[in-house]
Amino acid sequence: MTDAPENPMAEKRTARARIGDAWRGGRNNFNSIRLVAAWLVIYSHAWAITGTAGGDHVARLTLSKSAGAFAVDVFFVVSGFLVAASLQRRTWREFLVARALRIYPALIVCTVATVCVLGPMLTSAEHYWRDATTWRYLWANATLWRAEFWLPGVFEQLPRTAVNGSLWTLPIEGRLYLALLVAGALGMLRPMRYLPAWAVAIASACGFALWRAPLPEHLSYLIWVTSFFITGTLVWVWRERIPLSWPLLLALVIAAALTRGTLAFEPAYFALVAYGTFWVGFAPHLPRIERNDWSYGVYLYGWPMQQLAMLAGATTVASNTLAASAAAFACAALSWFCIERPALGWKRRLATASSDVSPQAAANTATLNATPAPERAASREP
């Protein structure tokens, strides 16, 4: 054990140097980051939904990544970090209950409202309720079995006919939660165990992508977002060793800028997003959302609100983005106050999500991390 630094200011600077120390400080910007990312998905989708040629400003800047793709990458890297933190604090039963109560209530309400309210109001199909597509949309999306995008006779006259094109990420997210739970049960969430496993996974993904190029779009997306999720978990596992350094962030920005338009941009972009998300996540003095996390609701309702905005005459990128943003935020507020926040209350009761860790959860903490600490989340989980 090392001696404490004699200079208190030196100790304070050291405490701010690592992600682990910043996390224990209890203040972060992840809720704000997720809300901005959820809105970026709406902004990015406006081109596709309105049938407008070209792409958003992020796509023009990077030449390959839209604002929506960037937002999803941020979602998954933050999720990998926060969900690993959640797993460390809980037993496996508590973890599953916490995950289910965070994801399912709002998703089920959104899916049921889409099928039972929006669908019947808009469908041109004569036998909407007897069509197997209707019930497949309901059960598949509500259970996270898989993403279904179409309802019979709904939005068929629009440039994009999907009822909710954003749902594709949610089944992947759910399966990654289960995979993380298995990794924790196997004792893999320790720094010197997880790092080589992560390196093998990333190398294998890159090798497979190069070998089978070009990959089908769905498989490419699956590998890409999974890589961000497991990297977020890597950051959690190695949080005591990863510095928060603006020179390192600047170096990654320069690397991405210099490789723009080349094959080397992909790894440069990946490293920049993965590290930059946490640098911004723990940056002081940024606007912080601590109580009301509307990001999930904005993400769930963004696409259908954009489709409705198209039907109402908001057919340009700007008008569609503005109208859909207003409607999606209103739906997100209702979802938060009426569904998600009450579910979080149940989560605290049923999943023992408090600062008092049960004996078994304490044992899990020792198993899941080589340097356990009595940490608790400073923000709501994704």
Protein backbone atom coordinates (compact mmCIF):
# COMPACT_ATOMS: atom_id res chain seq x y z
CA MET A 1 0.00 0.00 0.00
CA THR A 2 1.36 3.42 -0.93
CA ASP A 3 1.53 6.36 1.44
CA ALA A 4 -1.01 9.15 1.04
CA PRO A 5 0.34 12.22 -0.77
CA GLU A 6 1.52 14.94 1.53
CA ASN A 7 0.05 17.70 -0.63
CA PRO A 8 -3.79 17.76 -0.43
CA MET A 9 -3.99 19.52 -3.79
CA ALA A 10 -1.93 16.76 -5.37
CA GLU A 11 -4.36 14.23 -3.92
CA LYS A 12 -7.28 16.21 -5.33
CA ARG A 13 -5.69 16.29 -8.78
CA THR A 14 -5.05 12.56 -8.61
CA ALA A 15 -8.66 11.91 -7.61
CA ARG A 16 -9.81 13.63 -10.77
CA ALA A 17 -7.40 11.82 -13.06
CA ARG A 18 -9.15 8.46 -13.38
CA ILE A 19 -12.61 7.41 -14.48
CA GLY A 20 -13.06 5.42 -11.27
CA ASP A 21 -12.41 8.46 -9.11
CA ALA A 22 -14.72 10.61 -11.21
CA TRP A 23 -17.44 7.96 -10.90
CA ARG A 24 -17.13 7.86 -7.13
CA GLY A 25 -17.49 11.63 -7.13
CA GLY A 26 -21.20 11.02 -7.75
CA ARG A 27 -21.68 13.53 -10.58
CA ASN A 28 -21.79 12.73 -14.26
CA ASN A 29 -23.47 13.82 -17.47
CA PHE A 30 -24.79 10.50 -18.77
CA ASN A 31 -28.46 11.45 -18.58
CA SER A 32 -27.75 14.60 -20.59
CA ILE A 33 -25.66 12.65 -23.09
CA ARG A 34 -28.41 10.09 -23.63
CA LEU A 35 -31.07 12.77 -24.09
CA VAL A 36 -29.00 14.58 -26.72
CA ALA A 37 -28.29 11.24 -28.42
CA ALA A 38 -32.01 10.39 -28.49
CA TRP A 39 -32.75 13.73 -30.16
CA LEU A 40 -29.93 13.19 -32.66
CA VAL A 41 -31.70 10.03 -33.78
CA ILE A 42 -34.79 12.11 -34.63
CA TYR A 43 -32.69 14.70 -36.41
CA SER A 44 -30.84 12.07 -38.43
CA HIS A 45 -33.97 10.12 -39.39
CA ALA A 46 -35.60 13.23 -40.83
CA TRP A 47 -33.75 12.76 -44.14
CA ALA A 48 -34.92 9.18 -44.63
CA ILE A 49 -38.46 9.76 -43.38
CA THR A 50 -39.05 12.78 -45.61
CA GLY A 51 -37.30 11.15 -48.56
CA THR A 52 -34.77 13.99 -48.75
CA ALA A 53 -31.50 13.33 -50.56
CA GLY A 54 -28.23 13.75 -48.72
CA GLY A 55 -27.51 13.37 -45.04
CA ASP A 56 -27.17 15.23 -41.78
CA HIS A 57 -24.22 17.35 -40.71
CA VAL A 58 -22.50 14.50 -38.85
CA ALA A 59 -22.65 12.36 -41.99
CA ARG A 60 -21.11 15.18 -44.01
CA LEU A 61 -18.40 15.67 -41.40
CA THR A 62 -17.42 12.03 -41.06
CA LEU A 63 -18.27 10.95 -44.62
CA SER A 64 -19.60 7.66 -43.22
CA LYS A 65 -21.45 8.00 -39.90
CA SER A 66 -24.81 9.71 -39.59
CA ALA A 67 -25.89 11.53 -36.45
CA GLY A 68 -28.23 8.64 -35.68
CA ALA A 69 -25.49 6.05 -36.05
CA PHE A 70 -23.23 8.13 -33.83
CA ALA A 71 -26.00 8.42 -31.24
CA VAL A 72 -26.56 4.65 -31.18
CA ASP A 73 -22.82 4.11 -30.71
CA VAL A 74 -22.92 6.44 -27.72
CA PHE A 75 -25.97 4.64 -26.31
CA PHE A 76 -24.24 1.27 -26.41
CA VAL A 77 -20.91 2.36 -24.95
CA VAL A 78 -22.67 4.14 -22.06
CA SER A 79 -24.95 1.14 -21.58
CA GLY A 80 -22.02 -1.27 -21.39
CA PHE A 81 -20.49 0.86 -18.64
CA LEU A 82 -23.61 1.54 -16.56
CA VAL A 83 -25.10 -1.93 -16.83
CA ALA A 84 -21.79 -3.48 -15.73
CA ALA A 85 -21.89 -1.10 -12.75
CA SER A 86 -25.43 -2.25 -12.04
CA LEU A 87 -24.42 -5.89 -12.16
CA GLN A 88 -21.60 -5.34 -9.69
CA ARG A 89 -24.00 -3.95 -7.10
CA ARG A 90 -26.65 -6.67 -7.38
CA THR A 91 -27.34 -10.37 -7.22
CA TRP A 92 -28.30 -11.94 -10.53
CA ARG A 93 -31.99 -11.94 -9.57
CA GLU A 94 -31.88 -8.29 -8.57
CA PHE A 95 -30.07 -7.47 -11.79
CA LEU A 96 -32.68 -9.16 -13.98
CA VAL A 97 -35.54 -7.48 -12.13
CA ALA A 98 -33.84 -4.09 -12.42
CA ARG A 99 -33.24 -4.52 -16.15
CA ALA A 100 -36.77 -5.72 -16.82
CA LEU A 101 -38.38 -2.87 -14.90
CA ARG A 102 -36.26 -0.31 -16.74
CA ILE A 103 -36.88 -1.63 -20.25
CA TYR A 104 -40.22 -3.43 -20.45
CA PRO A 105 -42.92 -1.14 -18.97
CA ALA A 106 -42.35 1.80 -21.31
CA LEU A 107 -41.70 -0.50 -24.28
CA ILE A 108 -44.88 -2.50 -23.71
CA VAL A 109 -47.01 0.64 -23.38
CA CYS A 110 -45.48 2.12 -26.54
CA THR A 111 -46.03 -1.12 -28.48
CA VAL A 112 -49.62 -1.58 -27.29
CA ALA A 113 -50.44 2.06 -28.02
CA THR A 114 -48.97 1.69 -31.51
CA VAL A 115 -50.92 -1.47 -32.31
CA CYS A 116 -54.21 -0.62 -30.58
CA VAL A 117 -54.47 3.15 -31.10
CA LEU A 118 -52.22 4.40 -33.89
CA GLY A 119 -52.70 1.36 -36.14
CA PRO A 120 -56.51 1.27 -36.20
CA MET A 121 -56.67 5.06 -36.71
CA LEU A 122 -54.38 5.02 -39.75
CA THR A 123 -54.59 1.62 -41.39
CA SER A 124 -55.94 1.19 -44.88
CA ALA A 125 -56.02 -2.61 -44.45
CA GLU A 126 -59.49 -4.13 -44.44
CA HIS A 127 -58.60 -6.92 -42.02
CA TYR A 128 -56.13 -5.19 -39.71
CA TRP A 129 -57.04 -7.22 -36.60
CA ARG A 130 -57.03 -10.53 -38.46
CA ASP A 131 -53.67 -9.99 -40.10
CA ALA A 132 -50.88 -12.03 -38.49
CA THR A 133 -48.51 -9.10 -39.04
CA THR A 134 -50.42 -7.05 -36.45
CA TRP A 135 -50.01 -9.63 -33.70
CA ARG A 136 -46.44 -10.41 -34.68
CA TYR A 137 -45.57 -6.73 -34.28
CA LEU A 138 -47.19 -6.72 -30.84
CA TRP A 139 -45.65 -9.80 -29.28
CA ALA A 140 -42.23 -9.64 -30.92
CA ASN A 141 -41.56 -6.01 -29.99
CA ALA A 142 -43.16 -6.14 -26.54
CA THR A 143 -41.11 -9.19 -25.53
CA LEU A 144 -37.83 -8.08 -27.16
CA TRP A 145 -37.85 -11.34 -29.10
CA ARG A 146 -37.03 -9.43 -32.26
CA ALA A 147 -37.77 -6.10 -33.90
CA GLU A 148 -40.81 -5.95 -36.18
CA PHE A 149 -41.30 -2.77 -38.16
CA TRP A 150 -44.57 -2.97 -40.12
CA LEU A 151 -48.28 -2.91 -39.43
CA PRO A 152 -50.73 -3.71 -42.24
CA GLY A 153 -51.90 -0.63 -44.09
CA VAL A 154 -50.05 1.83 -41.82
CA PHE A 155 -47.77 4.48 -43.36
CA GLU A 156 -47.73 2.55 -46.64
CA GLN A 157 -47.99 5.77 -48.67
CA LEU A 158 -44.92 7.39 -47.04
CA PRO A 159 -41.29 7.25 -48.23
CA ARG A 160 -40.49 4.96 -45.27
CA THR A 161 -43.20 2.48 -44.35
CA ALA A 162 -41.75 1.26 -41.04
CA VAL A 163 -43.97 2.11 -38.08
CA ASN A 164 -41.04 2.41 -35.67
CA GLY A 165 -37.64 1.96 -37.26
CA SER A 166 -35.76 2.68 -34.05
CA LEU A 167 -36.74 -0.55 -32.30
CA TRP A 168 -33.97 -2.63 -33.89
CA THR A 169 -31.49 -1.82 -31.11
CA LEU A 170 -33.63 -3.04 -28.21
CA PRO A 171 -33.50 -6.83 -28.74
CA ILE A 172 -29.74 -6.55 -29.16
CA GLU A 173 -29.51 -4.57 -25.93
CA GLY A 174 -31.55 -7.18 -24.07
CA ARG A 175 -29.36 -10.05 -25.24
CA LEU A 176 -26.22 -8.14 -24.31
CA TYR A 177 -27.58 -7.78 -20.75
CA LEU A 178 -27.89 -11.56 -20.55
CA ALA A 179 -24.43 -12.07 -22.02
CA LEU A 180 -22.99 -9.67 -19.45
CA LEU A 181 -24.76 -11.58 -16.68
CA VAL A 182 -23.15 -14.82 -17.89
CA ALA A 183 -19.74 -13.14 -18.06
CA GLY A 184 -20.19 -11.95 -14.48
CA ALA A 185 -21.23 -15.40 -13.29
CA LEU A 186 -18.09 -16.86 -14.89
CA GLY A 187 -15.90 -14.34 -13.07
CA MET A 188 -14.82 -12.62 -16.27
CA LEU A 189 -15.43 -9.05 -15.10
CA ARG A 190 -11.99 -8.66 -13.62
CA PRO A 191 -9.37 -6.46 -15.29
CA MET A 192 -6.84 -9.15 -16.20
CA ARG A 193 -9.53 -11.56 -17.36
CA TYR A 194 -11.78 -9.21 -19.25
CA LEU A 195 -9.08 -7.38 -21.23
CA PRO A 196 -7.77 -10.40 -23.17
CA ALA A 197 -11.32 -11.65 -23.75
CA TRP A 198 -12.28 -8.21 -25.07
CA ALA A 199 -9.20 -8.09 -27.31
CA VAL A 200 -9.98 -11.54 -28.75
CA ALA A 201 -13.60 -10.54 -29.36
CA ILE A 202 -12.67 -7.29 -31.13
CA ALA A 203 -9.95 -8.98 -33.20
CA SER A 204 -12.31 -11.79 -34.15
CA ALA A 205 -15.01 -9.32 -35.16
CA CYS A 206 -12.57 -7.38 -37.33
CA GLY A 207 -11.21 -10.56 -38.90
CA PHE A 208 -14.68 -11.89 -39.65
CA ALA A 209 -15.79 -8.57 -41.13
CA LEU A 210 -12.77 -8.47 -43.43
CA TRP A 211 -13.11 -12.13 -44.40
CA ARG A 212 -16.83 -11.96 -45.23
CA ALA A 213 -16.93 -8.39 -46.55
CA PRO A 214 -19.28 -6.92 -47.43
CA LEU A 215 -21.39 -8.07 -44.50
CA PRO A 216 -25.19 -7.94 -44.59
CA GLU A 217 -26.37 -4.71 -43.03
CA HIS A 218 -28.06 -6.34 -40.03
CA LEU A 219 -24.96 -8.38 -39.19
CA SER A 220 -22.68 -5.38 -39.60
CA TYR A 221 -24.83 -3.34 -37.19
CA LEU A 222 -24.93 -6.21 -34.69
CA ILE A 223 -21.14 -6.58 -34.60
CA TRP A 224 -20.59 -2.82 -34.46
CA VAL A 225 -22.91 -1.99 -31.56
CA THR A 226 -21.86 -5.10 -29.64
CA SER A 227 -18.26 -3.91 -29.92
CA PHE A 228 -19.25 -0.58 -28.37
CA PHE A 229 -21.17 -2.30 -25.56
CA ILE A 230 -18.31 -4.61 -24.58
CA THR A 231 -15.94 -1.64 -24.78
CA GLY A 232 -18.14 0.29 -22.37
CA THR A 233 -17.91 -2.69 -20.03
CA LEU A 234 -14.13 -2.67 -20.50
CA VAL A 235 -14.07 0.95 -19.36
CA TRP A 236 -16.03 -0.02 -16.25
CA VAL A 237 -13.75 -2.94 -15.43
CA TRP A 238 -10.62 -0.82 -15.99
CA ARG A 239 -12.04 2.42 -14.58
CA GLU A 240 -9.35 2.66 -11.90
CA ARG A 241 -6.63 2.70 -14.56
CA ILE A 242 -8.08 4.78 -17.39
CA PRO A 243 -7.14 8.47 -17.17
CA LEU A 244 -9.40 11.36 -18.05
CA SER A 245 -6.94 13.28 -20.19
CA TRP A 246 -7.72 16.10 -22.60
CA PRO A 247 -4.39 15.62 -24.46
CA LEU A 248 -5.43 12.01 -25.13
CA LEU A 249 -8.84 13.18 -26.33
CA LEU A 250 -7.20 15.76 -28.59
CA ALA A 251 -4.90 13.10 -30.03
CA LEU A 252 -7.90 10.92 -30.87
CA VAL A 253 -9.68 13.86 -32.51
CA ILE A 254 -6.61 14.56 -34.64
CA ALA A 255 -6.30 10.88 -35.59
CA ALA A 256 -9.93 10.78 -36.69
CA ALA A 257 -9.55 14.00 -38.67
CA LEU A 258 -6.39 12.79 -40.45
CA THR A 259 -7.93 9.42 -41.39
CA ARG A 260 -11.29 10.84 -42.57
CA GLY A 261 -12.27 9.21 -45.84
CA THR A 262 -9.86 6.27 -45.45
CA LEU A 263 -10.19 2.73 -44.10
CA ALA A 264 -8.29 3.80 -40.99
CA PHE A 265 -11.13 6.12 -40.02
CA GLU A 266 -13.23 3.27 -38.61
CA PRO A 267 -10.86 2.36 -35.73
CA ALA A 268 -10.02 6.04 -35.17
CA TYR A 269 -13.73 6.90 -34.94
CA PHE A 270 -14.37 3.94 -32.64
CA ALA A 271 -11.62 4.96 -30.23
CA LEU A 272 -12.71 8.60 -30.27
CA VAL A 273 -16.37 7.84 -29.54
CA ALA A 274 -15.55 5.27 -26.87
CA TYR A 275 -13.12 7.50 -24.99
CA GLY A 276 -14.74 10.84 -25.80
CA THR A 277 -18.10 9.74 -24.42
CA PHE A 278 -16.61 9.20 -20.97
CA TRP A 279 -14.48 12.32 -21.13
CA VAL A 280 -17.63 14.35 -21.78
CA GLY A 281 -19.57 12.18 -19.33
CA PHE A 282 -17.35 13.26 -16.46
CA ALA A 283 -16.55 16.79 -17.64
CA PRO A 284 -17.40 19.33 -14.94
CA HIS A 285 -19.66 22.35 -15.38
CA LEU A 286 -21.79 20.89 -18.18
CA PRO A 287 -25.60 21.04 -17.96
CA ARG A 288 -26.64 18.03 -15.91
CA ILE A 289 -29.93 16.13 -15.73
CA GLU A 290 -30.21 14.37 -12.39
CA ARG A 291 -33.89 13.66 -11.82
CA ASN A 292 -35.91 13.19 -15.01
CA ASP A 293 -34.45 10.95 -17.70
CA TRP A 294 -36.63 11.33 -20.80
CA SER A 295 -34.13 9.82 -23.24
CA TYR A 296 -35.75 6.37 -23.47
CA GLY A 297 -39.15 7.85 -24.23
CA VAL A 298 -37.73 10.21 -26.84
CA TYR A 299 -36.05 7.24 -28.49
CA LEU A 300 -39.19 5.06 -28.39
CA TYR A 301 -41.57 7.69 -29.79
CA GLY A 302 -39.29 9.64 -32.10
CA TRP A 303 -39.80 7.64 -35.31
CA PRO A 304 -43.60 7.23 -35.10
CA MET A 305 -43.94 10.93 -34.30
CA GLN A 306 -41.90 11.72 -37.39
CA GLN A 307 -44.20 9.56 -39.49
CA LEU A 308 -47.24 11.30 -38.03
CA ALA A 309 -45.60 14.66 -38.70
CA MET A 310 -45.20 13.62 -42.34
CA LEU A 311 -48.91 12.86 -42.56
CA ALA A 312 -49.65 16.26 -40.99
CA GLY A 313 -47.64 18.08 -43.66
CA ALA A 314 -44.21 18.40 -42.05
CA THR A 315 -42.44 17.12 -45.14
CA THR A 316 -39.16 19.02 -44.99
CA VAL A 317 -36.21 18.04 -42.84
CA ALA A 318 -36.49 21.14 -40.64
CA SER A 319 -40.26 21.06 -40.17
CA ASN A 320 -40.32 17.32 -39.57
CA THR A 321 -37.53 17.51 -37.01
CA LEU A 322 -39.20 20.35 -35.13
CA ALA A 323 -42.72 18.90 -35.13
CA ALA A 324 -41.60 15.38 -34.27
CA SER A 325 -39.26 16.61 -31.55
CA ALA A 326 -42.07 18.48 -29.83
CA ALA A 327 -44.40 15.49 -30.04
CA ALA A 328 -41.74 12.98 -28.99
CA PHE A 329 -40.71 15.04 -25.96
CA ALA A 330 -44.36 15.31 -24.91
CA CYS A 331 -44.76 11.53 -25.19
CA ALA A 332 -41.47 11.02 -23.36
CA ALA A 333 -42.64 13.21 -20.48
CA LEU A 334 -45.83 11.18 -20.16
CA SER A 335 -43.87 7.96 -20.38
CA TRP A 336 -41.44 9.11 -17.70
CA PHE A 337 -43.90 10.44 -15.16
CA CYS A 338 -46.65 7.86 -15.69
CA ILE A 339 -44.68 4.69 -16.45
CA GLU A 340 -40.91 4.80 -16.12
CA ARG A 341 -40.54 6.66 -12.84
CA PRO A 342 -43.17 4.52 -11.06
CA ALA A 343 -41.40 1.43 -12.43
CA LEU A 344 -38.12 2.71 -11.00
CA GLY A 345 -39.87 2.89 -7.64
CA TRP A 346 -40.72 -0.78 -7.97
CA LYS A 347 -37.16 -1.43 -9.06
CA ARG A 348 -35.83 0.06 -5.85
CA ARG A 349 -38.17 -2.12 -3.82
CA LEU A 350 -37.87 -5.40 -5.70
CA ALA A 351 -34.27 -5.22 -6.86
CA THR A 352 -32.87 -3.76 -3.62
CA ALA A 353 -31.36 -0.91 -5.60
CA SER A 354 -30.11 1.12 -2.69
CA SER A 355 -26.79 2.07 -1.18
CA ASP A 356 -27.19 -0.70 1.40
CA VAL A 357 -25.75 -3.74 -0.32
CA SER A 358 -27.08 -7.17 0.71
CA PRO A 359 -24.58 -9.83 1.86
CA GLN A 360 -24.94 -11.78 -1.37
CA ALA A 361 -24.55 -8.63 -3.47
CA ALA A 362 -21.43 -7.82 -1.50
CA ALA A 363 -20.11 -11.27 -2.34
CA ASN A 364 -20.91 -10.62 -6.00
CA THR A 365 -18.96 -7.38 -5.82
CA ALA A 366 -15.89 -9.27 -4.66
CA THR A 367 -16.37 -11.78 -7.46
CA LEU A 368 -17.01 -9.30 -10.26
CA ASN A 369 -14.20 -6.85 -9.63
CA ALA A 370 -10.61 -7.23 -8.58
CA THR A 371 -10.70 -3.94 -6.68
CA PRO A 372 -14.18 -3.76 -5.18
CA ALA A 373 -15.41 -0.51 -3.73
CA PRO A 374 -18.67 0.59 -2.12
CA GLU A 375 -19.78 2.48 -5.21
CA ARG A 376 -23.35 3.31 -6.16
CA ALA A 377 -24.67 4.77 -9.38
CA ALA A 378 -24.85 8.51 -9.60
CA SER A 379 -27.39 8.46 -12.41
CA ARG A 380 -30.28 6.31 -13.53
CA GLU A 381 -29.31 3.35 -15.63
CA PRO A 382 -30.12 3.13 -19.34
